[in-house]
Amino acid sequence: MFRNALDGLPRVSRDRLELLEEIVYSCDRLQDSTTPDRAALAAKLSELLDRFQRGRPPKGDSRGGPLPSDNTLSSFYTALMSLPNFSEMPGARHFDTAGSRVMGRYRTDYSGALLFGDQIAAALGLDPDRISSLDDYLTESREKLLSVQQVMDALRQEAGLRLDAPRAGGTDQAVLDLFRKVYPACDLRPEEVRLYWTRCTAHFAVFVEDTRGRDFSDFWDSVSGFRFPYFDHFPMFGFLDTDGSDHDWLVAISERSGEPIARTRRILDSSLMALKGETLDKYLLHDIWGHRWQGIFTRWKEFYDQLKLQDEALVATESWSWEGQSVPFGVLLSHTVDGGEVRWSYDPAALQTWLLREAEERITLAFTQILSELTADLIEDKYRQIKGPADPDLNNSSWLPDLPCKADFSLTDLRRIWESIFAPFQDVRRKARVMRKSIFEAHRKDLADRVSRESLWKSLDPLVEDLVRDIESFHTERLQTRITSGSLYGLAAANVLDLHGVLNRLCAEEERTDRRLCEGYRDLLCLFIAQYFERNPVRNFWVLDEMLDTHFTALVGKARSTVK
C-alpha cells in the first residue's frame, strides 16, 4: 500500500475548524469592497488569528524530533552559503528612468561577513561527502546567477543605455525602442514608457494619459490578468513573451552575452515585466528582491512546469512518482476478454488511494505557489521597518499591514490555486470523453487482434461512468473548498496559518539577532524555507512550521559562532 504525506499528522480539532471557518469567512468579506466597516472586521480577523495560533498543536516525531535532521542541516548550510550571491543578485548600480522611490532604500541582510564553509559545516556537524554535494548545488546556483546577469547586461548594452547617464538625450527613445523589440504590438510614444533595469530584471513602466485614436485594451488586459501559461515565466510571471520578439535582436543579445539562444529567451521571459506606471513602486521591490531569487537559488521551476499543466483533463497516463517509479492512473484498471467483448474492473479502494496521492502532489504544487508569494511578502515587509518618515508606503492592499505574513493574501491565493488545480476532478463528468479516449488509445493496439474498435469503445461506457462517479465523490468529500473534518482544503489552510504564526514570531524576534552574521535574518529565513521545502516537497510543507519553530534560531546561533 502506498503511504501518503498526511500519515501521522494530527487532525484539525473541532474548535480550530470553527475558528478557521470564521477566519476564511472574514478574509472573503474583506476582499469585498461593499462590506461595511472593513477596518473593524480586520481587527476582528487579527484577534481570530491570535486565537488560532494559541491552539497550534505539537506535531511531535513526524516533525523530525528534538534534533535537526540531516536534510534540515543541509538546507540551512545551503541557504547560509547562498547569502553572498543573493546580496549581489541585482547588481550594485541600476538604470532608472522611472523614478523609483523605494529601491534605493532597500538593503539585504548580509553584512559581508566572511562565511567559511568548512567551519560552518563543522559547527553543523555535516560530513565532507554531503558538503561536496551541497557545494556543487551552490556552484550551479552561482552559474545561474551569472547567466542571468550576462543576459541582462547584454540587453542594456544592446539598447545603448548607459548606467552613468540614464537621462542622456535620446534615452526615452532608446527605452521605447527596447520595449518594441520585446512587445512590438503596442503603440506607445517615447514619453509613455520608462525603465527600471537591474542585472536580474527589467521593468517597463507604462504611463498613458491620452488614448485618442489608440486601443490599449488588449495590452492592459495582458498586464492585469493572470493565465496558467504565465507559470512558464517563473519567478515573476510576466506576460512579456519573446515568442513575438524581434529575432535578430534576440540573436544579438545571445551573442553579446555568450549564452545560447534558448537560454537567453528563457531568462528574458522570466526577467521582463510591464506595469502601469503608477503601480511600479508597489511591485518593484516585491519582484526584484522578493521573487527573482527563487528562479536562481531554487529548483521550483520544475514545480511550476507541472503547475501550468494542472488544468488539463484527467487521463489514463496521469501519474505520480513512488520510490522512483511512475504510477499512472491506468495501472488501476483490469480487463478480461470473452467472445470479443471486454469487461473492465478496478478496486475502488485502490482508486481512492491513487486519488489521494495524486491530490497530495497537486497540493504540493499549490504550496509552491503559496511559499513563492509568502517568502516574497516576508522580504518586502523589511521595507516597512527600514523606510524613513519621508519615504513612500508600498500601498499594500492587505488588511494585515503590520504582520509580515498576510493571512488574507495567503488564504485567497490558496483558494484560487486550489480551485484551479482540482478543476479536472470537479469537471471530470464534463470531460469524461477525454478520459475515455485516453483509455481507449492505451489499450487499442494490445486488444486489436481480439476486439473490434467499436466493441472496445462501447465497453468503456460502464467503466467510465463508474470512474466518474467515484472521482466526483472523492472531490465532494475531500477536495472542495469547505472547512470540514474530512477536507484536505481545511487541513491545508490550517497548516498555512500555523506556518504564518511561526514566521510572524521569528520576524518579531529578528531585532534581537546578533549583527556579526548579518543585519537581520529575513533573507536567510526565506532561503532556508525554500531549500528545506524542495528537498521533499510532498512531505516538508506539512512539517515546515514546527521545524522552523524548533530549529531555526538555534541554527542561526551555531552559524554565528563561526563568525569572529
Protein backbone atom coordinates (compact mmCIF):
# COMPACT_ATOMS: atom_id res chain seq x y z
CA MET A 1 0.00 0.00 0.00
CA PHE A 2 1.33 3.44 -0.86
CA ARG A 3 1.92 5.72 2.10
CA ASN A 4 0.92 9.34 1.97
CA ALA A 5 2.35 12.54 3.45
CA LEU A 6 -0.67 13.02 5.74
CA ASP A 7 0.01 9.82 7.73
CA GLY A 8 0.76 10.72 11.33
CA LEU A 9 -0.36 14.34 11.14
CA PRO A 10 -2.96 15.30 13.74
CA ARG A 11 -6.43 16.13 12.51
CA VAL A 12 -7.63 19.67 13.00
CA SER A 13 -9.70 19.87 16.16
CA ARG A 14 -13.34 20.89 16.08
CA ASP A 15 -12.56 24.18 17.88
CA ARG A 16 -9.82 25.10 15.42
CA LEU A 17 -12.02 24.14 12.46
CA GLU A 18 -14.69 26.54 13.70
CA LEU A 19 -12.09 29.28 14.12
CA LEU A 20 -10.65 28.53 10.70
CA GLU A 21 -14.07 28.75 9.09
CA GLU A 22 -14.60 32.16 10.70
CA ILE A 23 -11.14 33.31 9.57
CA VAL A 24 -11.76 32.26 5.98
CA TYR A 25 -15.18 33.92 6.01
CA SER A 26 -13.66 37.14 7.37
CA CYS A 27 -10.96 37.13 4.67
CA ASP A 28 -13.61 36.67 1.99
CA ARG A 29 -15.63 39.60 3.33
CA LEU A 30 -12.52 41.81 3.46
CA GLN A 31 -11.96 41.16 -0.24
CA ASP A 32 -15.46 42.51 -0.96
CA SER A 33 -15.36 46.30 -1.29
CA THR A 34 -19.08 46.52 -0.41
CA THR A 35 -18.51 45.06 3.09
CA PRO A 36 -19.30 47.75 5.71
CA ASP A 37 -16.67 48.81 8.28
CA ARG A 38 -13.87 46.63 6.98
CA ALA A 39 -11.41 48.17 9.47
CA ALA A 40 -13.39 46.68 12.36
CA LEU A 41 -13.57 43.36 10.55
CA ALA A 42 -9.78 43.43 10.04
CA ALA A 43 -9.29 43.99 13.78
CA LYS A 44 -11.53 41.01 14.48
CA LEU A 45 -9.52 38.93 11.97
CA SER A 46 -6.31 39.74 13.86
CA GLU A 47 -7.93 38.54 17.07
CA LEU A 48 -9.13 35.33 15.41
CA LEU A 49 -5.65 34.64 14.06
CA ASP A 50 -4.14 35.10 17.54
CA ARG A 51 -6.64 32.65 18.99
CA PHE A 52 -5.91 30.18 16.18
CA GLN A 53 -2.17 30.34 16.86
CA ARG A 54 -2.61 29.77 20.57
CA GLY A 55 -4.29 26.48 19.70
CA ARG A 56 -1.49 25.23 17.43
CA PRO A 57 -0.92 21.57 18.42
CA PRO A 58 2.53 19.97 18.74
CA LYS A 59 3.14 17.66 15.82
CA GLY A 60 5.77 15.52 17.51
CA ASP A 61 8.05 12.97 15.93
CA SER A 62 6.55 13.48 12.48
CA ARG A 63 8.39 16.81 12.59
CA GLY A 64 11.84 15.29 12.96
CA GLY A 65 12.23 15.09 16.74
CA PRO A 66 14.33 17.29 19.05
CA LEU A 67 17.47 17.21 16.86
CA PRO A 68 17.63 18.69 13.36
CA SER A 69 17.64 16.11 10.60
CA ASP A 70 20.39 15.87 8.01
CA ASN A 71 18.03 17.47 5.49
CA THR A 72 17.42 20.37 7.87
CA LEU A 73 21.16 20.91 8.39
CA SER A 74 21.88 20.63 4.67
CA SER A 75 19.12 23.11 3.86
CA PHE A 76 20.44 25.61 6.38
CA TYR A 77 24.03 25.30 5.15
CA THR A 78 22.94 25.85 1.53
CA ALA A 79 20.80 28.84 2.49
CA LEU A 80 23.56 30.43 4.55
CA MET A 81 26.22 29.97 1.89
CA SER A 82 23.83 31.46 -0.71
CA LEU A 83 23.64 34.80 1.12
CA PRO A 84 26.62 36.50 -0.60
CA ASN A 85 25.28 35.63 -4.07
CA PHE A 86 21.77 36.64 -3.03
CA SER A 87 23.03 40.06 -1.91
CA GLU A 88 24.67 40.82 -5.27
CA MET A 89 21.83 39.49 -7.41
CA PRO A 90 20.55 42.76 -8.97
CA GLY A 91 23.98 44.41 -9.09
CA ALA A 92 25.26 47.50 -7.34
CA ARG A 93 24.00 50.01 -9.92
CA HIS A 94 20.58 50.23 -11.51
CA PHE A 95 19.35 52.07 -14.60
CA ASP A 96 16.26 54.08 -13.69
CA THR A 97 14.21 56.43 -15.85
CA ALA A 98 11.02 55.55 -13.95
CA GLY A 99 11.96 57.37 -10.76
CA SER A 100 11.58 54.62 -8.16
CA ARG A 101 11.35 55.99 -4.63
CA VAL A 102 11.71 52.67 -2.77
CA MET A 103 14.53 50.67 -4.33
CA GLY A 104 17.26 53.00 -3.10
CA ARG A 105 16.16 52.49 0.50
CA TYR A 106 16.26 48.72 0.42
CA ARG A 107 19.13 46.67 1.81
CA THR A 108 19.87 42.99 2.11
CA ASP A 109 20.62 41.37 5.45
CA TYR A 110 24.07 40.04 4.55
CA SER A 111 26.70 42.10 6.38
CA GLY A 112 29.67 40.98 4.29
CA ALA A 113 30.94 38.62 7.00
CA LEU A 114 33.35 36.01 5.71
CA LEU A 115 31.50 32.70 5.60
CA PHE A 116 33.93 29.81 5.90
CA GLY A 117 32.15 26.74 4.62
CA ASP A 118 34.36 24.24 6.44
CA GLN A 119 33.85 25.97 9.80
CA ILE A 120 30.10 26.27 9.28
CA ALA A 121 29.92 22.61 8.21
CA ALA A 122 31.82 21.57 11.33
CA ALA A 123 29.51 23.65 13.55
CA LEU A 124 26.50 21.99 11.93
CA GLY A 125 28.03 18.50 12.04
CA LEU A 126 27.86 17.87 8.28
CA ASP A 127 30.18 15.23 6.79
CA PRO A 128 32.59 16.01 3.90
CA ASP A 129 30.69 13.98 1.29
CA ARG A 130 27.48 15.88 1.96
CA ILE A 131 29.34 19.21 1.88
CA SER A 132 30.79 18.32 -1.53
CA SER A 133 27.31 17.65 -2.89
CA LEU A 134 25.94 20.88 -1.42
CA ASP A 135 28.84 22.89 -2.81
CA ASP A 136 28.02 21.52 -6.26
CA TYR A 137 24.49 22.88 -5.82
CA LEU A 138 25.88 26.25 -4.78
CA THR A 139 28.13 26.30 -7.83
CA GLU A 140 25.12 25.57 -10.03
CA SER A 141 23.23 28.48 -8.44
CA ARG A 142 26.20 30.78 -8.93
CA GLU A 143 26.36 29.84 -12.60
CA LYS A 144 22.63 30.50 -12.99
CA LEU A 145 23.08 33.94 -11.42
CA LEU A 146 25.98 34.79 -13.76
CA SER A 147 23.94 33.68 -16.79
CA VAL A 148 21.05 35.95 -15.79
CA GLN A 149 23.38 38.88 -15.18
CA GLN A 150 25.19 38.39 -18.50
CA VAL A 151 21.92 38.34 -20.45
CA MET A 152 20.54 41.40 -18.66
CA ASP A 153 23.85 43.24 -19.18
CA ALA A 154 23.65 42.39 -22.88
CA LEU A 155 20.05 43.63 -23.07
CA ARG A 156 21.04 47.03 -21.64
CA GLN A 157 24.18 47.32 -23.74
CA GLU A 158 22.39 46.33 -26.94
CA ALA A 159 19.87 49.11 -26.25
CA GLY A 160 22.68 51.64 -25.79
CA LEU A 161 21.62 52.53 -22.23
CA ARG A 162 24.45 53.87 -20.07
CA LEU A 163 24.49 53.42 -16.30
CA ASP A 164 26.29 56.73 -15.87
CA ALA A 165 23.79 58.68 -17.98
CA PRO A 166 20.19 57.46 -17.54
CA ARG A 167 18.88 60.88 -18.50
CA ALA A 168 21.09 61.45 -21.57
CA GLY A 169 19.48 62.82 -24.72
CA GLY A 170 17.68 60.14 -26.72
CA THR A 171 17.25 57.85 -23.71
CA ASP A 172 13.43 57.89 -23.84
CA GLN A 173 13.51 56.82 -27.47
CA ALA A 174 16.07 54.11 -26.71
CA VAL A 175 13.83 52.75 -23.94
CA LEU A 176 10.83 52.77 -26.26
CA ASP A 177 12.86 51.01 -28.98
CA LEU A 178 13.83 48.35 -26.44
CA PHE A 179 10.19 47.88 -25.40
CA ARG A 180 9.16 47.50 -29.04
CA LYS A 181 11.78 44.78 -29.52
CA VAL A 182 10.09 42.82 -26.75
CA TYR A 183 6.47 43.78 -27.36
CA PRO A 184 6.03 45.20 -30.87
CA ALA A 185 2.21 45.16 -30.77
CA CYS A 186 1.78 48.19 -28.50
CA ASP A 187 1.69 51.71 -29.99
CA LEU A 188 3.47 53.82 -27.36
CA ARG A 189 5.26 57.17 -27.53
CA PRO A 190 8.75 57.86 -26.11
CA GLU A 191 7.42 59.77 -23.09
CA GLU A 192 4.97 56.96 -22.24
CA VAL A 193 7.37 54.14 -21.37
CA ARG A 194 10.12 54.22 -18.78
CA LEU A 195 12.51 51.59 -17.48
CA TYR A 196 13.89 50.26 -14.22
CA TRP A 197 16.76 47.89 -15.07
CA THR A 198 18.88 45.71 -12.81
CA ARG A 199 21.29 42.90 -13.56
CA CYS A 200 18.47 40.40 -12.97
CA THR A 201 15.28 42.19 -14.11
CA ALA A 202 13.88 44.87 -16.39
CA HIS A 203 10.59 46.58 -15.52
CA PHE A 204 8.88 48.77 -18.09
CA ALA A 205 6.62 51.42 -16.55
CA VAL A 206 3.86 52.48 -18.94
CA PHE A 207 2.25 55.91 -18.49
CA VAL A 208 -0.60 56.58 -20.94
CA GLU A 209 -2.87 59.60 -20.46
CA ASP A 210 -4.03 60.39 -23.98
CA THR A 211 -5.51 57.29 -25.68
CA ARG A 212 -7.30 59.07 -28.52
CA GLY A 213 -7.02 57.01 -31.71
CA ARG A 214 -5.24 54.16 -29.91
CA ASP A 215 -6.67 50.99 -28.39
CA PHE A 216 -4.76 49.66 -25.36
CA SER A 217 -7.43 47.24 -24.12
CA ASP A 218 -5.51 44.09 -25.10
CA PHE A 219 -2.32 45.45 -23.58
CA TRP A 220 -3.90 46.41 -20.25
CA ASP A 221 -5.73 43.08 -20.14
CA SER A 222 -2.41 41.31 -20.58
CA VAL A 223 -0.77 43.38 -17.86
CA SER A 224 -3.53 42.93 -15.29
CA GLY A 225 -4.77 39.39 -15.98
CA PHE A 226 -3.15 36.09 -14.99
CA ARG A 227 -3.24 32.91 -17.06
CA PHE A 228 -1.86 29.43 -16.43
CA PRO A 229 0.73 29.71 -19.25
CA TYR A 230 2.34 32.59 -17.32
CA PHE A 231 3.63 29.99 -14.85
CA ASP A 232 6.20 29.29 -17.56
CA HIS A 233 7.65 32.72 -16.77
CA PHE A 234 8.51 31.85 -13.17
CA PRO A 235 9.55 33.56 -10.97
CA MET A 236 7.97 36.91 -11.98
CA PHE A 237 5.10 35.52 -14.12
CA GLY A 238 5.21 38.45 -16.53
CA PHE A 239 3.16 38.39 -19.71
CA LEU A 240 6.00 39.63 -21.93
CA ASP A 241 6.98 36.69 -24.11
CA THR A 242 9.89 36.53 -26.54
CA ASP A 243 7.84 34.34 -28.89
CA GLY A 244 6.78 37.55 -30.60
CA SER A 245 10.05 39.44 -30.16
CA ASP A 246 12.50 40.60 -32.83
CA HIS A 247 14.56 37.51 -33.73
CA ASP A 248 17.67 39.42 -34.83
CA TRP A 249 17.60 41.31 -31.54
CA LEU A 250 17.43 38.03 -29.59
CA VAL A 251 20.38 36.66 -31.54
CA ALA A 252 22.37 39.84 -30.85
CA ILE A 253 21.72 39.53 -27.08
CA SER A 254 22.63 35.84 -27.18
CA GLU A 255 25.92 36.55 -28.93
CA ARG A 256 26.78 39.52 -26.71
CA SER A 257 26.05 37.56 -23.52
CA GLY A 258 27.67 34.33 -24.64
CA GLU A 259 24.55 32.38 -23.66
CA PRO A 260 22.75 30.01 -26.09
CA ILE A 261 19.67 31.50 -27.75
CA ALA A 262 17.26 29.11 -25.97
CA ARG A 263 18.66 30.00 -22.54
CA THR A 264 18.68 33.70 -23.45
CA ARG A 265 14.97 33.53 -24.25
CA ARG A 266 14.15 31.65 -21.04
CA ILE A 267 16.00 34.23 -18.98
CA LEU A 268 14.29 37.15 -20.71
CA ASP A 269 10.85 35.55 -20.38
CA SER A 270 11.36 35.23 -16.62
CA SER A 271 13.04 38.63 -16.11
CA LEU A 272 10.91 41.14 -18.03
CA MET A 273 7.81 42.85 -16.72
CA ALA A 274 5.49 45.64 -17.86
CA LEU A 275 3.39 47.55 -15.34
CA LYS A 276 1.13 50.54 -15.20
CA GLY A 277 3.43 53.36 -14.23
CA GLU A 278 1.57 54.38 -11.09
CA THR A 279 1.93 50.84 -9.67
CA LEU A 280 5.67 50.49 -10.34
CA ASP A 281 7.00 51.00 -6.81
CA LYS A 282 4.30 48.70 -5.45
CA TYR A 283 5.77 45.78 -7.40
CA LEU A 284 9.46 46.58 -7.97
CA LEU A 285 10.70 45.50 -4.57
CA HIS A 286 8.34 42.53 -4.46
CA ASP A 287 9.54 41.27 -7.86
CA ILE A 288 13.26 42.04 -7.69
CA TRP A 289 14.09 41.09 -4.12
CA GLY A 290 11.00 39.05 -3.28
CA HIS A 291 10.72 36.77 -6.31
CA ARG A 292 13.71 36.88 -8.66
CA TRP A 293 15.97 34.87 -6.34
CA GLN A 294 13.50 31.98 -6.48
CA GLY A 295 14.42 31.33 -10.11
CA ILE A 296 18.15 31.29 -9.29
CA PHE A 297 18.60 29.75 -5.85
CA THR A 298 15.84 27.10 -6.01
CA ARG A 299 14.61 24.40 -8.37
CA TRP A 300 11.00 25.49 -8.05
CA LYS A 301 10.85 26.00 -11.81
CA GLU A 302 10.34 22.22 -12.07
CA PHE A 303 7.19 22.51 -9.93
CA TYR A 304 5.84 25.41 -11.98
CA ASP A 305 6.42 23.46 -15.19
CA GLN A 306 3.97 20.92 -13.75
CA LEU A 307 1.63 23.54 -12.33
CA LYS A 308 0.92 25.09 -15.71
CA LEU A 309 -0.47 21.70 -16.88
CA GLN A 310 -2.77 21.04 -13.92
CA ASP A 311 -5.91 22.38 -15.57
CA GLU A 312 -5.86 19.57 -18.15
CA ALA A 313 -8.41 16.73 -18.01
CA LEU A 314 -7.62 13.51 -16.13
CA VAL A 315 -6.35 10.82 -18.49
CA ALA A 316 -5.11 7.25 -18.27
CA THR A 317 -1.47 8.36 -18.40
CA GLU A 318 -1.90 10.75 -15.43
CA SER A 319 0.75 9.64 -12.94
CA TRP A 320 2.72 10.41 -9.84
CA SER A 321 6.07 9.05 -8.66
CA TRP A 322 6.58 6.43 -5.99
CA GLU A 323 10.10 5.36 -4.97
CA GLY A 324 11.46 6.48 -8.31
CA GLN A 325 8.75 4.84 -10.42
CA SER A 326 5.83 6.40 -12.25
CA VAL A 327 2.39 5.16 -11.15
CA PRO A 328 -0.14 6.00 -13.90
CA PHE A 329 -3.86 6.13 -13.39
CA GLY A 330 -4.33 3.39 -15.98
CA VAL A 331 -2.46 0.83 -13.87
CA LEU A 332 -5.57 0.56 -11.66
CA LEU A 333 -7.66 -0.88 -14.48
CA SER A 334 -8.07 -4.60 -15.21
CA HIS A 335 -9.90 -6.27 -18.07
CA THR A 336 -10.95 -9.64 -19.40
CA VAL A 337 -11.93 -10.56 -22.95
CA ASP A 338 -14.64 -13.11 -23.66
CA GLY A 339 -16.19 -13.72 -27.05
CA GLY A 340 -14.90 -10.46 -28.48
CA GLU A 341 -16.25 -8.40 -25.58
CA VAL A 342 -14.20 -6.57 -22.94
CA ARG A 343 -15.18 -6.36 -19.31
CA TRP A 344 -13.42 -3.80 -17.14
CA SER A 345 -12.93 -3.61 -13.39
CA TYR A 346 -10.93 -1.78 -10.74
CA ASP A 347 -10.57 -1.82 -6.98
CA PRO A 348 -12.42 1.22 -5.57
CA ALA A 349 -10.14 1.28 -2.51
CA ALA A 350 -7.06 1.34 -4.74
CA LEU A 351 -8.61 4.17 -6.73
CA GLN A 352 -9.17 6.16 -3.52
CA THR A 353 -5.53 5.63 -2.54
CA TRP A 354 -4.36 6.69 -6.01
CA LEU A 355 -6.57 9.80 -5.96
CA LEU A 356 -5.31 10.79 -2.52
CA ARG A 357 -1.70 10.54 -3.65
CA GLU A 358 -2.49 12.46 -6.83
CA ALA A 359 -4.18 15.10 -4.69
CA GLU A 360 -1.10 15.32 -2.45
CA GLU A 361 1.14 16.01 -5.43
CA ARG A 362 -1.22 18.70 -6.69
CA ILE A 363 -1.43 20.22 -3.21
CA THR A 364 2.37 20.34 -3.20
CA LEU A 365 2.22 22.45 -6.36
CA ALA A 366 -0.27 24.75 -4.63
CA PHE A 367 2.09 25.02 -1.66
CA THR A 368 4.90 26.01 -4.04
CA GLN A 369 2.79 28.96 -5.15
CA ILE A 370 1.92 29.83 -1.54
CA LEU A 371 5.59 29.74 -0.48
CA SER A 372 6.63 31.75 -3.51
CA GLU A 373 4.30 34.58 -2.52
CA LEU A 374 4.79 34.16 1.22
CA THR A 375 8.59 34.48 1.06
CA ALA A 376 8.26 37.44 -1.31
CA ASP A 377 5.94 39.11 1.21
CA LEU A 378 8.42 38.43 4.04
CA ILE A 379 11.22 40.13 2.14
CA GLU A 380 9.00 43.01 1.03
CA ASP A 381 7.94 43.55 4.64
CA LYS A 382 11.50 44.56 5.53
CA TYR A 383 10.86 47.87 3.77
CA ARG A 384 8.20 48.72 6.34
CA GLN A 385 10.89 48.50 9.03
CA ILE A 386 13.69 50.41 7.30
CA LYS A 387 11.88 53.18 5.44
CA GLY A 388 12.24 56.73 6.69
CA PRO A 389 9.34 59.07 7.54
CA ALA A 390 9.59 60.79 4.14
CA ASP A 391 9.69 57.54 2.17
CA PRO A 392 6.52 56.35 0.46
CA ASP A 393 4.46 53.42 1.64
CA LEU A 394 4.08 50.47 -0.71
CA ASN A 395 0.29 50.75 -0.55
CA ASN A 396 0.00 47.07 0.23
CA SER A 397 -3.64 46.06 -0.11
CA SER A 398 -3.55 43.58 2.78
CA TRP A 399 -5.81 44.26 5.74
CA LEU A 400 -2.99 42.99 7.99
CA PRO A 401 -0.34 45.61 7.13
CA ASP A 402 1.65 45.23 10.36
CA LEU A 403 2.18 41.48 10.02
CA PRO A 404 4.99 40.08 7.82
CA CYS A 405 2.71 37.23 6.73
CA LYS A 406 -0.60 38.29 5.21
CA ALA A 407 -3.24 35.68 6.01
CA ASP A 408 -5.80 37.43 3.83
CA PHE A 409 -3.41 37.13 0.85
CA SER A 410 -2.36 33.52 1.52
CA LEU A 411 -5.87 32.17 2.07
CA THR A 412 -7.11 33.95 -1.06
CA ASP A 413 -4.17 32.55 -3.04
CA LEU A 414 -4.75 29.06 -1.63
CA ARG A 415 -8.41 29.02 -2.67
CA ARG A 416 -7.65 30.38 -6.15
CA ILE A 417 -4.88 27.90 -6.92
CA TRP A 418 -6.75 25.03 -5.21
CA GLU A 419 -9.81 25.50 -7.39
CA SER A 420 -7.58 25.65 -10.48
CA ILE A 421 -5.54 22.52 -9.84
CA PHE A 422 -8.57 20.46 -8.83
CA ALA A 423 -10.84 21.69 -11.62
CA PRO A 424 -10.16 18.43 -13.55
CA PHE A 425 -11.66 16.47 -10.62
CA GLN A 426 -14.69 18.73 -10.45
CA ASP A 427 -15.12 18.72 -14.25
CA VAL A 428 -14.48 15.01 -14.71
CA ARG A 429 -18.01 14.30 -15.98
CA ARG A 430 -17.94 17.14 -18.48
CA LYS A 431 -14.56 15.94 -19.74
CA ALA A 432 -15.29 12.22 -19.47
CA ARG A 433 -14.81 11.74 -23.21
CA VAL A 434 -11.18 12.81 -22.87
CA MET A 435 -10.61 10.18 -20.19
CA ARG A 436 -12.45 7.58 -22.25
CA LYS A 437 -10.36 8.31 -25.32
CA SER A 438 -7.12 8.04 -23.33
CA ILE A 439 -8.09 4.58 -22.01
CA PHE A 440 -9.14 3.53 -25.49
CA GLU A 441 -5.82 4.63 -27.00
CA ALA A 442 -3.83 2.95 -24.23
CA HIS A 443 -5.39 -0.47 -24.99
CA ARG A 444 -6.33 -0.27 -28.67
CA LYS A 445 -3.18 -1.91 -30.06
CA ASP A 446 -2.93 -4.62 -27.41
CA LEU A 447 -6.52 -5.72 -27.97
CA ALA A 448 -6.69 -5.18 -31.72
CA ASP A 449 -6.50 -8.89 -32.59
CA ARG A 450 -9.24 -9.88 -30.14
CA VAL A 451 -11.71 -6.98 -30.05
CA SER A 452 -13.08 -4.62 -32.67
CA ARG A 453 -12.57 -0.90 -32.23
CA GLU A 454 -16.32 -0.41 -31.93
CA SER A 455 -16.63 -3.07 -29.24
CA LEU A 456 -13.68 -1.70 -27.28
CA TRP A 457 -15.09 1.84 -27.37
CA LYS A 458 -18.56 0.65 -26.29
CA SER A 459 -17.09 -1.46 -23.46
CA LEU A 460 -15.80 1.69 -21.82
CA ASP A 461 -19.30 3.04 -21.12
CA PRO A 462 -19.84 1.41 -17.70
CA LEU A 463 -16.17 1.77 -16.70
CA VAL A 464 -16.03 5.49 -17.34
CA GLU A 465 -19.38 6.03 -15.65
CA ASP A 466 -18.13 4.24 -12.50
CA LEU A 467 -14.82 6.14 -12.55
CA VAL A 468 -16.57 9.47 -12.95
CA ARG A 469 -18.93 8.69 -10.08
CA ASP A 470 -16.07 7.73 -7.73
CA ILE A 471 -13.89 10.69 -8.69
CA GLU A 472 -16.81 13.09 -8.22
CA SER A 473 -17.46 11.56 -4.81
CA PHE A 474 -13.80 11.93 -3.84
CA HIS A 475 -13.85 15.57 -4.92
CA THR A 476 -17.02 16.28 -2.95
CA GLU A 477 -15.76 14.63 0.24
CA ARG A 478 -12.08 15.63 0.23
CA LEU A 479 -11.28 18.41 -2.22
CA GLN A 480 -13.98 21.07 -2.12
CA THR A 481 -13.01 24.40 -0.58
CA ARG A 482 -15.07 23.82 2.53
CA ILE A 483 -13.80 23.70 6.10
CA THR A 484 -14.83 20.22 7.30
CA SER A 485 -13.18 17.45 9.30
CA GLY A 486 -12.54 15.38 6.18
CA SER A 487 -11.49 18.27 3.96
CA LEU A 488 -7.93 18.35 2.67
CA TYR A 489 -8.51 22.05 2.00
CA GLY A 490 -9.21 22.67 5.68
CA LEU A 491 -6.06 20.77 6.66
CA ALA A 492 -4.01 22.75 4.13
CA ALA A 493 -5.44 26.10 5.23
CA ALA A 494 -4.75 25.27 8.89
CA ASN A 495 -1.18 24.36 8.04
CA VAL A 496 -0.70 27.62 6.12
CA LEU A 497 -1.87 29.60 9.15
CA ASP A 498 0.33 27.54 11.50
CA LEU A 499 3.29 28.46 9.32
CA HIS A 500 2.21 32.12 9.40
CA GLY A 501 2.22 32.09 13.19
CA VAL A 502 5.75 30.71 13.43
CA LEU A 503 7.10 33.10 10.79
CA ASN A 504 5.48 36.15 12.37
CA ARG A 505 7.07 35.20 15.69
CA LEU A 506 10.51 34.67 14.16
CA CYS A 507 10.30 38.03 12.39
CA ALA A 508 9.32 39.74 15.66
CA GLU A 509 12.39 38.22 17.32
CA GLU A 510 14.67 39.24 14.45
CA GLU A 511 15.51 42.60 16.08
CA ARG A 512 17.39 40.76 18.82
CA THR A 513 19.69 38.84 16.46
CA ASP A 514 23.48 39.29 16.72
CA ARG A 515 24.66 41.51 13.85
CA ARG A 516 28.00 39.71 13.38
CA LEU A 517 26.49 37.24 10.94
CA CYS A 518 24.02 39.54 9.16
CA GLU A 519 21.94 42.66 9.80
CA GLY A 520 18.85 40.51 10.19
CA TYR A 521 17.89 37.01 9.18
CA ARG A 522 14.84 37.54 6.96
CA ASP A 523 16.71 36.74 3.72
CA LEU A 524 18.33 33.70 5.32
CA LEU A 525 14.96 32.54 6.63
CA CYS A 526 13.42 32.69 3.14
CA LEU A 527 16.35 30.87 1.52
CA PHE A 528 16.17 28.22 4.26
CA ILE A 529 12.41 27.72 3.75
CA ALA A 530 12.94 27.24 0.01
CA GLN A 531 15.80 24.80 0.41
CA TYR A 532 14.02 22.69 3.01
CA PHE A 533 10.76 22.55 1.08
CA GLU A 534 12.28 21.44 -2.22
CA ARG A 535 14.17 18.51 -0.66
CA ASN A 536 10.92 16.61 -0.09
CA PRO A 537 8.05 18.89 -1.12
CA VAL A 538 5.24 16.31 -0.75
CA ARG A 539 6.09 15.98 2.94
CA ASN A 540 8.03 19.03 4.01
CA PHE A 541 5.40 21.74 3.73
CA TRP A 542 3.31 19.89 6.29
CA VAL A 543 6.28 19.84 8.70
CA LEU A 544 7.72 23.27 7.95
CA ASP A 545 6.16 25.24 10.79
CA GLU A 546 7.41 23.08 13.63
CA MET A 547 10.82 22.52 12.03
CA LEU A 548 11.33 26.29 11.91
CA ASP A 549 9.86 26.74 15.39
CA THR A 550 12.20 24.14 16.83
CA HIS A 551 15.47 24.63 14.94
CA PHE A 552 15.87 27.94 13.09
CA THR A 553 17.14 30.26 15.82
CA ALA A 554 19.40 27.51 17.23
CA LEU A 555 20.96 27.01 13.79
CA VAL A 556 21.49 30.75 13.41
CA GLY A 557 23.31 30.67 16.76
CA LYS A 558 25.61 27.87 15.60
CA ALA A 559 26.43 29.71 12.39
CA ARG A 560 27.03 32.95 14.29
CA SER A 561 29.66 31.22 16.44
CA THR A 562 31.83 30.72 13.33
CA VAL A 563 31.98 34.46 12.57
CA LYS A 564 34.72 36.27 14.54
